[in-house]
Amino acid sequence: MPQLNPAPWLMILVFSWTTFLAIVPPKVMAHQFPNEPTPRSTEKLTKDSWNWPWY
């Protein structure tokens, strides 16, 4: 049965994954966000307790 011969398919698998891993990660890692996130203000927010009139 020729399907059970791993010689051609193993090399196709190895070469395709090598190509995939050589091309895709550099493209993904080089991605730049168009808008850098702005830092939030450093002032502390006051946490007032709520007045629940029905409790």
N, C-alpha and C. Protein backbone atom coordinates (compact mmCIF):
# COMPACT_ATOMS: atom_id res chain seq x y z
N MET A 1 0.85 -1.18 0.00
CA MET A 1 0.00 0.00 0.00
C MET A 1 0.90 1.24 0.00
N PRO A 2 0.80 2.08 -1.00
CA PRO A 2 1.71 3.23 -1.09
C PRO A 2 1.45 4.30 -0.02
N GLN A 3 0.24 4.34 0.56
CA GLN A 3 -0.04 5.35 1.58
C GLN A 3 0.81 5.15 2.82
N LEU A 4 1.23 3.92 3.07
CA LEU A 4 1.97 3.63 4.29
C LEU A 4 3.46 3.91 4.16
N ASN A 5 3.91 4.27 2.98
CA ASN A 5 5.30 4.61 2.80
C ASN A 5 5.51 6.06 3.24
N PRO A 6 6.19 6.31 4.35
CA PRO A 6 6.29 7.67 4.88
C PRO A 6 7.36 8.52 4.20
N ALA A 7 8.14 7.94 3.31
CA ALA A 7 9.27 8.66 2.75
C ALA A 7 8.87 9.97 2.05
N PRO A 8 7.94 9.99 1.08
CA PRO A 8 7.67 11.29 0.45
C PRO A 8 6.86 12.23 1.36
N TRP A 9 5.92 11.69 2.14
CA TRP A 9 5.02 12.54 2.91
C TRP A 9 5.71 13.14 4.13
N LEU A 10 6.65 12.43 4.69
CA LEU A 10 7.37 12.97 5.84
C LEU A 10 8.20 14.18 5.42
N MET A 11 8.87 14.10 4.30
CA MET A 11 9.68 15.22 3.84
C MET A 11 8.80 16.41 3.43
N ILE A 12 7.65 16.13 2.83
CA ILE A 12 6.71 17.21 2.49
C ILE A 12 6.24 17.91 3.76
N LEU A 13 5.93 17.13 4.78
CA LEU A 13 5.50 17.69 6.06
C LEU A 13 6.61 18.54 6.68
N VAL A 14 7.81 18.02 6.70
CA VAL A 14 8.93 18.74 7.31
C VAL A 14 9.22 20.03 6.54
N PHE A 15 9.27 19.97 5.24
CA PHE A 15 9.56 21.17 4.45
C PHE A 15 8.44 22.20 4.54
N SER A 16 7.20 21.74 4.56
CA SER A 16 6.10 22.70 4.65
C SER A 16 6.10 23.40 6.01
N TRP A 17 6.35 22.67 7.10
CA TRP A 17 6.42 23.30 8.42
C TRP A 17 7.65 24.19 8.56
N THR A 18 8.75 23.80 7.96
CA THR A 18 9.94 24.65 7.99
C THR A 18 9.67 25.96 7.27
N THR A 19 9.02 25.88 6.12
CA THR A 19 8.68 27.09 5.37
C THR A 19 7.70 27.95 6.15
N PHE A 20 6.70 27.30 6.72
CA PHE A 20 5.70 28.02 7.51
C PHE A 20 6.34 28.73 8.69
N LEU A 21 7.21 28.04 9.41
CA LEU A 21 7.83 28.64 10.59
C LEU A 21 8.91 29.65 10.24
N ALA A 22 9.42 29.62 9.03
CA ALA A 22 10.41 30.61 8.63
C ALA A 22 9.76 31.89 8.14
N ILE A 23 8.52 31.82 7.65
CA ILE A 23 7.87 32.99 7.06
C ILE A 23 6.91 33.66 8.04
N VAL A 24 6.07 32.91 8.70
CA VAL A 24 4.99 33.51 9.48
C VAL A 24 5.45 34.20 10.76
N PRO A 25 6.25 33.59 11.65
CA PRO A 25 6.60 34.29 12.89
C PRO A 25 7.28 35.65 12.71
N PRO A 26 8.21 35.82 11.79
CA PRO A 26 8.77 37.17 11.63
C PRO A 26 7.72 38.20 11.20
N LYS A 27 6.77 37.78 10.37
CA LYS A 27 5.71 38.70 9.95
C LYS A 27 4.82 39.07 11.12
N VAL A 28 4.51 38.11 11.96
CA VAL A 28 3.66 38.39 13.12
C VAL A 28 4.39 39.25 14.14
N MET A 29 5.66 38.95 14.38
CA MET A 29 6.42 39.71 15.37
C MET A 29 6.73 41.13 14.91
N ALA A 30 6.72 41.37 13.61
CA ALA A 30 6.99 42.70 13.09
C ALA A 30 5.74 43.58 13.05
N HIS A 31 4.61 43.04 13.46
CA HIS A 31 3.37 43.79 13.43
C HIS A 31 3.42 44.96 14.40
N GLN A 32 2.99 46.12 13.94
CA GLN A 32 2.95 47.32 14.77
C GLN A 32 1.50 47.76 14.90
N PHE A 33 1.11 48.13 16.10
CA PHE A 33 -0.23 48.66 16.29
C PHE A 33 -0.28 50.09 15.76
N PRO A 34 -1.35 50.47 15.08
CA PRO A 34 -1.41 51.82 14.54
C PRO A 34 -1.49 52.90 15.63
N ASN A 35 -2.13 52.58 16.73
CA ASN A 35 -2.27 53.55 17.83
C ASN A 35 -1.70 52.94 19.09
N GLU A 36 -0.65 53.54 19.59
CA GLU A 36 -0.08 53.06 20.84
C GLU A 36 -1.03 53.42 21.98
N PRO A 37 -1.19 52.54 22.95
CA PRO A 37 -2.10 52.86 24.06
C PRO A 37 -1.53 54.01 24.90
N THR A 38 -2.41 54.89 25.31
CA THR A 38 -1.99 56.02 26.14
C THR A 38 -2.04 55.61 27.60
N PRO A 39 -1.08 56.03 28.39
CA PRO A 39 -1.11 55.68 29.82
C PRO A 39 -2.23 56.42 30.54
N ARG A 40 -2.82 55.74 31.49
CA ARG A 40 -3.89 56.37 32.25
C ARG A 40 -3.29 57.32 33.28
N SER A 41 -4.13 58.18 33.78
CA SER A 41 -3.65 59.13 34.79
C SER A 41 -3.29 58.37 36.06
N THR A 42 -2.38 58.94 36.82
CA THR A 42 -1.90 58.26 38.02
C THR A 42 -2.65 58.68 39.28
N GLU A 43 -3.65 59.54 39.14
CA GLU A 43 -4.38 59.96 40.33
C GLU A 43 -5.28 58.84 40.84
N LYS A 44 -5.41 58.76 42.15
CA LYS A 44 -6.23 57.72 42.77
C LYS A 44 -7.70 58.10 42.66
N LEU A 45 -8.51 57.13 42.35
CA LEU A 45 -9.95 57.36 42.31
C LEU A 45 -10.52 57.14 43.70
N THR A 46 -11.45 57.98 44.09
CA THR A 46 -12.07 57.81 45.41
C THR A 46 -13.15 56.75 45.29
N LYS A 47 -13.15 55.87 46.25
CA LYS A 47 -14.15 54.80 46.26
C LYS A 47 -15.12 55.09 47.40
N ASP A 48 -16.20 55.77 47.06
CA ASP A 48 -17.22 56.09 48.06
C ASP A 48 -18.17 54.91 48.18
N SER A 49 -18.64 54.69 49.39
CA SER A 49 -19.62 53.62 49.58
C SER A 49 -20.98 54.11 49.09
N TRP A 50 -21.76 53.20 48.61
CA TRP A 50 -23.06 53.56 48.07
C TRP A 50 -24.08 53.58 49.21
N ASN A 51 -25.02 54.44 49.08
CA ASN A 51 -26.11 54.52 50.04
C ASN A 51 -27.31 53.81 49.43
N TRP A 52 -27.63 52.65 49.98
CA TRP A 52 -28.76 51.87 49.46
C TRP A 52 -29.98 52.13 50.35
N PRO A 53 -30.91 52.95 49.89
CA PRO A 53 -32.03 53.30 50.76
C PRO A 53 -32.98 52.14 51.04
N TRP A 54 -33.01 51.11 50.21
CA TRP A 54 -33.96 50.01 50.40
C TRP A 54 -33.38 48.86 51.23
N TYR A 55 -32.16 49.00 51.65
CA TYR A 55 -31.55 47.89 52.41
C TYR A 55 -31.64 48.15 53.88
